[in-house]
Protein backbone atom coordinates (compact mmCIF):
# COMPACT_ATOMS: atom_id res chain seq x y z
CA UNK A 1 33.51 160.78 101.18
CA UNK A 2 30.42 158.90 100.17
CA UNK A 3 27.93 159.68 102.90
CA UNK A 4 27.21 156.00 103.50
CA UNK A 5 26.70 155.07 107.13
CA UNK A 6 27.37 151.89 109.05
CA UNK A 7 24.48 149.48 108.46
CA UNK A 8 23.46 150.91 105.05
CA UNK A 9 22.65 148.28 102.42
CA UNK A 10 23.96 149.21 98.96
CA UNK A 11 21.39 148.12 96.38
CA UNK A 12 22.37 149.90 93.14
CA UNK A 13 24.99 152.06 91.43
CA UNK A 14 23.73 154.42 88.71
CA UNK A 15 20.54 152.38 88.53
CA UNK A 16 22.33 149.03 88.09
CA UNK A 17 21.14 146.59 90.77
CA UNK A 18 23.93 145.09 92.89
CA UNK A 19 23.89 141.89 94.89
CA UNK A 20 27.59 141.24 95.53
CA UNK A 21 30.88 143.00 96.19
CA UNK A 22 32.12 141.75 92.80
CA UNK A 23 29.20 143.48 91.04
CA UNK A 24 29.94 146.72 92.92
CA UNK A 25 33.63 146.57 91.94
CA UNK A 26 32.79 145.87 88.30
CA UNK A 27 30.39 148.85 88.21
CA UNK A 28 32.89 151.22 89.83
CA UNK A 29 35.64 150.25 87.38
CA UNK A 30 33.33 150.39 84.36
CA UNK A 31 32.50 153.97 85.39
CA UNK A 32 36.18 154.90 85.18
CA UNK A 33 36.07 156.99 88.33
CA UNK A 34 33.25 159.34 87.32
CA UNK A 35 30.77 160.42 89.99
CA UNK A 36 27.98 157.92 90.46
CA UNK A 37 24.59 157.75 92.16
CA UNK A 38 24.58 155.16 94.94
CA UNK A 39 21.23 153.75 96.05
CA UNK A 40 21.18 152.56 99.66
CA UNK A 41 18.59 151.23 102.08
CA UNK A 42 18.90 152.86 105.51
CA UNK A 43 16.39 151.26 107.81
CA UNK A 44 13.04 151.63 106.07
CA UNK A 45 14.20 154.49 103.82
CA UNK A 46 15.82 154.30 100.39
CA UNK A 47 18.33 157.08 99.73
CA UNK A 48 20.37 158.19 96.72
CA UNK A 49 23.86 159.35 97.61
CA UNK A 50 26.57 160.82 95.41
CA UNK A 51 29.70 158.69 95.21
CA UNK A 52 33.10 159.91 94.01
CA UNK A 53 35.21 156.78 93.43
CA UNK A 54 38.98 157.14 93.89
CA UNK A 55 41.74 155.11 92.32
CA UNK A 56 43.87 152.99 94.65
CA UNK A 57 47.60 152.24 94.13
CA UNK A 58 46.70 149.23 91.99
CA UNK A 59 44.57 151.33 89.63
CA UNK A 60 41.21 149.99 90.90
CA UNK A 61 38.39 152.40 91.70
CA UNK A 62 37.06 152.26 95.25
CA UNK A 63 34.37 153.93 97.31
CA UNK A 64 36.37 154.34 100.48
CA UNK A 65 33.67 152.39 102.33
CA UNK A 66 33.99 149.05 104.06
CA UNK A 67 31.49 146.76 102.35
CA UNK A 68 30.35 143.38 103.63
CA UNK A 69 28.86 140.71 101.40
CA UNK A 70 26.53 137.82 102.19
CA UNK A 71 27.12 135.30 104.95
CA UNK A 72 26.28 131.63 105.26
CA UNK A 73 26.61 129.14 108.08
CA UNK A 74 25.26 125.94 109.56
CA UNK A 75 22.76 126.24 112.36
CA UNK A 76 19.66 124.50 113.65
CA UNK A 77 16.01 125.30 113.09
CA UNK A 78 14.29 125.46 116.48
CA UNK A 79 10.61 125.55 115.60
CA UNK A 80 8.08 125.73 112.81
CA UNK A 81 4.66 127.25 113.47
CA UNK A 82 2.08 125.68 111.11
CA UNK A 83 -0.46 128.45 111.79
CA UNK A 84 1.73 131.26 110.41
CA UNK A 85 4.19 129.24 108.28
CA UNK A 86 7.02 130.88 110.25
CA UNK A 87 10.16 129.23 111.57
CA UNK A 88 12.81 130.28 114.06
CA UNK A 89 16.47 129.23 114.16
CA UNK A 90 19.78 129.77 116.02
CA UNK A 91 18.41 131.46 119.16
CA UNK A 92 20.90 134.30 118.58
CA UNK A 93 21.55 136.73 115.75
CA UNK A 94 23.95 136.57 112.82
CA UNK A 95 26.66 139.12 113.59
CA UNK A 96 29.56 140.71 111.76
CA UNK A 97 32.70 138.73 112.60
CA UNK A 98 34.76 141.89 113.09
CA UNK A 99 32.39 144.28 114.87
CA UNK A 100 30.15 141.79 116.72
CA UNK A 101 27.12 143.82 115.60
CA UNK A 102 23.96 142.32 114.09
CA UNK A 103 24.18 142.24 110.31
CA UNK A 104 21.30 144.13 108.69
CA UNK A 105 19.14 141.72 106.71
CA UNK A 106 18.34 142.60 103.11
CA UNK A 107 17.28 139.13 102.07
CA UNK A 108 18.21 135.60 103.03
CA UNK A 109 17.14 132.03 102.71
CA UNK A 110 17.29 128.76 104.57
CA UNK A 111 18.55 125.58 102.89
CA UNK A 112 18.90 121.96 103.83
CA UNK A 113 22.29 121.10 105.31
CA UNK A 114 23.91 117.81 106.14
CA UNK A 115 26.56 117.38 108.85
CA UNK A 116 29.63 115.56 107.50
CA UNK A 117 32.21 115.92 110.28
CA UNK A 118 32.42 117.16 113.86
CA UNK A 119 35.32 119.14 115.27
CA UNK A 120 35.07 118.16 118.93
CA UNK A 121 34.87 120.93 121.49
CA UNK A 122 37.70 121.30 124.00
CA UNK A 123 38.39 123.68 126.86
CA UNK A 124 39.17 127.08 125.33
CA UNK A 125 38.52 125.87 121.76
CA UNK A 126 34.88 125.62 120.71
CA UNK A 127 33.92 122.69 118.51
CA UNK A 128 32.05 122.91 115.26
CA UNK A 129 29.69 120.96 113.02
CA UNK A 130 30.98 120.96 109.43
CA UNK A 131 28.83 120.02 106.52
CA UNK A 132 27.33 120.77 103.15
CA UNK A 133 24.45 122.94 102.00
CA UNK A 134 22.01 121.88 99.34
CA UNK A 135 22.42 124.93 97.09
CA UNK A 136 19.98 123.58 94.48
CA UNK A 137 16.94 125.03 96.22
CA UNK A 138 15.82 127.38 98.98
CA UNK A 139 13.51 125.92 101.60
CA UNK A 140 12.35 129.29 102.87
CA UNK A 141 13.07 132.99 103.13
CA UNK A 142 14.22 135.07 106.11
CA UNK A 143 12.36 138.14 107.38
CA UNK A 144 14.31 139.01 110.55
CA UNK A 145 17.79 138.79 112.07
CA UNK A 146 17.50 139.55 115.80
CA UNK A 147 19.38 139.01 119.07
CA UNK A 148 16.94 136.16 119.77
CA UNK A 149 17.35 134.29 116.48
CA UNK A 150 16.70 134.43 112.77
CA UNK A 151 13.14 134.07 111.52
CA UNK A 152 11.51 133.36 108.21
CA UNK A 153 8.80 131.55 106.30
CA UNK A 154 9.13 127.95 105.20
CA UNK A 155 7.89 126.91 101.76
CA UNK A 156 4.71 124.77 101.92
CA UNK A 157 6.38 121.74 100.34
CA UNK A 158 9.24 121.85 102.87
CA UNK A 159 6.81 122.29 105.75
CA UNK A 160 5.14 119.06 104.60
CA UNK A 161 8.37 117.10 104.85
CA UNK A 162 8.99 118.07 108.50
CA UNK A 163 8.88 115.05 110.72
CA UNK A 164 8.60 115.09 114.48
CA UNK A 165 5.69 116.05 116.66
CA UNK A 166 4.18 119.26 117.92
CA UNK A 167 5.10 120.50 121.38
CA UNK A 168 3.23 122.78 123.74
CA UNK A 169 5.15 125.91 124.83
CA UNK A 170 6.57 126.25 128.35
CA UNK A 171 6.56 129.78 129.77
CA UNK A 172 9.71 130.95 131.51
CA UNK A 173 8.22 130.63 135.01
CA UNK A 174 7.38 126.97 134.28
CA UNK A 175 10.98 125.98 133.52
CA UNK A 176 12.83 124.31 136.40
CA UNK A 177 16.43 123.24 137.03
CA UNK A 178 16.68 119.51 136.44
CA UNK A 179 16.65 116.94 133.70
CA UNK A 180 15.69 117.87 130.14
CA UNK A 181 16.62 116.89 126.59
CA UNK A 182 17.81 118.62 123.45
CA UNK A 183 16.88 117.74 119.88
CA UNK A 184 20.04 118.00 117.78
CA UNK A 185 21.43 116.81 114.46
CA UNK A 186 25.15 116.07 114.72
CA UNK A 187 25.44 113.49 111.94
CA UNK A 188 23.88 113.72 108.47
CA UNK A 189 20.49 115.36 108.94
CA UNK A 190 19.04 112.98 111.50
CA UNK A 191 17.64 114.67 114.62
CA UNK A 192 18.09 112.75 117.85
CA UNK A 193 17.18 113.41 121.47
CA UNK A 194 20.00 113.76 124.01
CA UNK A 195 19.83 114.18 127.79
CA UNK A 196 20.93 117.40 129.47
CA UNK A 197 20.66 118.98 132.91
CA UNK A 198 19.27 122.50 133.24
CA UNK A 199 21.54 123.84 135.99
CA UNK A 200 20.22 127.39 136.38
CA UNK A 201 17.30 129.47 135.14
CA UNK A 202 17.71 133.26 134.93
CA UNK A 203 14.10 134.50 134.67
CA UNK A 204 14.99 138.22 134.67
CA UNK A 205 17.59 137.87 131.89
CA UNK A 206 16.52 139.55 128.65
CA UNK A 207 19.55 138.37 126.67
CA UNK A 208 19.92 135.08 124.81
CA UNK A 209 21.42 133.56 127.98
CA UNK A 210 18.31 132.65 129.92
CA UNK A 211 19.36 129.26 131.24
CA UNK A 212 22.56 127.34 131.92
CA UNK A 213 22.67 123.73 130.75
CA UNK A 214 25.08 120.81 130.90
CA UNK A 215 25.16 117.96 128.40
CA UNK A 216 24.96 114.66 130.31
CA UNK A 217 24.36 112.34 127.33
CA UNK A 218 27.38 110.01 127.00
CA UNK A 219 26.82 109.50 123.25
CA UNK A 220 26.71 113.24 122.54
CA UNK A 221 29.71 113.95 124.80
CA UNK A 222 31.71 111.28 122.94
CA UNK A 223 30.75 112.75 119.56
CA UNK A 224 30.97 116.51 120.16
CA UNK A 225 32.31 117.10 123.67
CA UNK A 226 29.08 118.93 124.46
CA UNK A 227 27.82 122.12 122.82
CA UNK A 228 29.45 123.03 119.48
CA UNK A 229 28.92 125.69 116.81
CA UNK A 230 26.14 124.59 114.49
CA UNK A 231 24.03 123.26 117.38
CA UNK A 232 22.73 126.78 118.05
CA UNK A 233 18.97 126.60 117.79
CA UNK A 234 18.67 122.99 118.96
CA UNK A 235 15.34 122.72 120.79
CA UNK A 236 15.33 122.17 124.57
CA UNK A 237 12.44 120.01 125.83
CA UNK A 238 11.38 119.49 129.46
CA UNK A 239 8.34 117.52 130.64
CA UNK A 240 7.09 117.20 127.07
CA UNK A 241 7.15 120.96 126.47
CA UNK A 242 9.36 123.17 124.34
CA UNK A 243 11.26 125.45 126.73
CA UNK A 244 13.88 127.08 124.51
CA UNK A 245 16.95 126.63 122.32
CA UNK A 246 20.69 126.13 122.80
CA UNK A 247 22.57 129.37 122.01
CA UNK A 248 26.19 129.46 123.26
CA UNK A 249 28.92 127.23 124.62
CA UNK A 250 30.97 128.05 127.74
CA UNK A 251 34.52 128.52 126.48
CA UNK A 252 36.15 126.95 129.53
CA UNK A 253 33.77 123.96 129.61
CA UNK A 254 32.36 122.66 126.32
CA UNK A 255 29.92 120.35 128.13
CA UNK A 256 28.07 123.45 129.34
CA UNK A 257 26.14 126.02 127.36
CA UNK A 258 23.45 128.68 127.54
CA UNK A 259 19.91 128.56 126.25
CA UNK A 260 17.24 131.12 125.39
CA UNK A 261 13.58 130.90 126.49
CA UNK A 262 11.23 129.90 123.66
CA UNK A 263 8.99 132.80 124.78
CA UNK A 264 11.74 135.28 123.89
CA UNK A 265 12.22 133.70 120.46
CA UNK A 266 8.50 133.77 119.71
CA UNK A 267 8.28 137.43 120.82
CA UNK A 268 11.18 138.35 118.52
CA UNK A 269 9.52 136.45 115.67
CA UNK A 270 6.32 138.50 116.13
CA UNK A 271 4.30 135.35 116.85
CA UNK A 272 1.47 135.06 119.32
CA UNK A 273 1.31 131.88 121.35
CA UNK A 274 -0.83 130.08 123.84
CA UNK A 275 0.56 127.61 126.32
């Protein structure tokens, strides 16, 4: 046994800093199975645990712990706040594919991405935006992975390149069923405005499913079938105000999806706001 717990972030083995599973494996095998000091971050604490690697049937040394590495994906940035330099994206958290739990964030960055192809959404089979990252440079760093989105700080030079206009914030009690639009990039990196209908508002909901929406825009329906993976975080605008972000698709109807209130995203980001 190692004494590591679910959610621990392994940062070093015998003082050697680790940033990938490969580095951990190399260190374990270089040690030849001798006991090692494992440095882990558990919440805000840093602990040193004693590890006793064991040889598997193939002769490799292992910890006996299930270790996850980094994760990357395409999503949409919802807002940038020029006062604090903070941005919010996705409108939901980044979770472990197997456990469904929020992945603890050690460090992360946001990069430019360009959408190359669209896998159209169909009933029972969610669609997806597929594209490429620009790995040559980071545009910003992440400071939080929460149920309401991922948050970080944008670099000053990337903040300068942001187009678009500023929107006032709509509070949840100001959002009404009816026509609205979403700002989404489904081709290249061009953001366009598409019409939607807000069908229901759930003011008491504290999850990321605060409103139900239906895509009514013929162009978007023809391209994507409605809401697809990668559109998470697309801003929802009603009456010239930012009301929230697209978060999930309805599996049995890809033209429909859920959205989160912008208020909930800003709260999770630790940002103050005035309407």
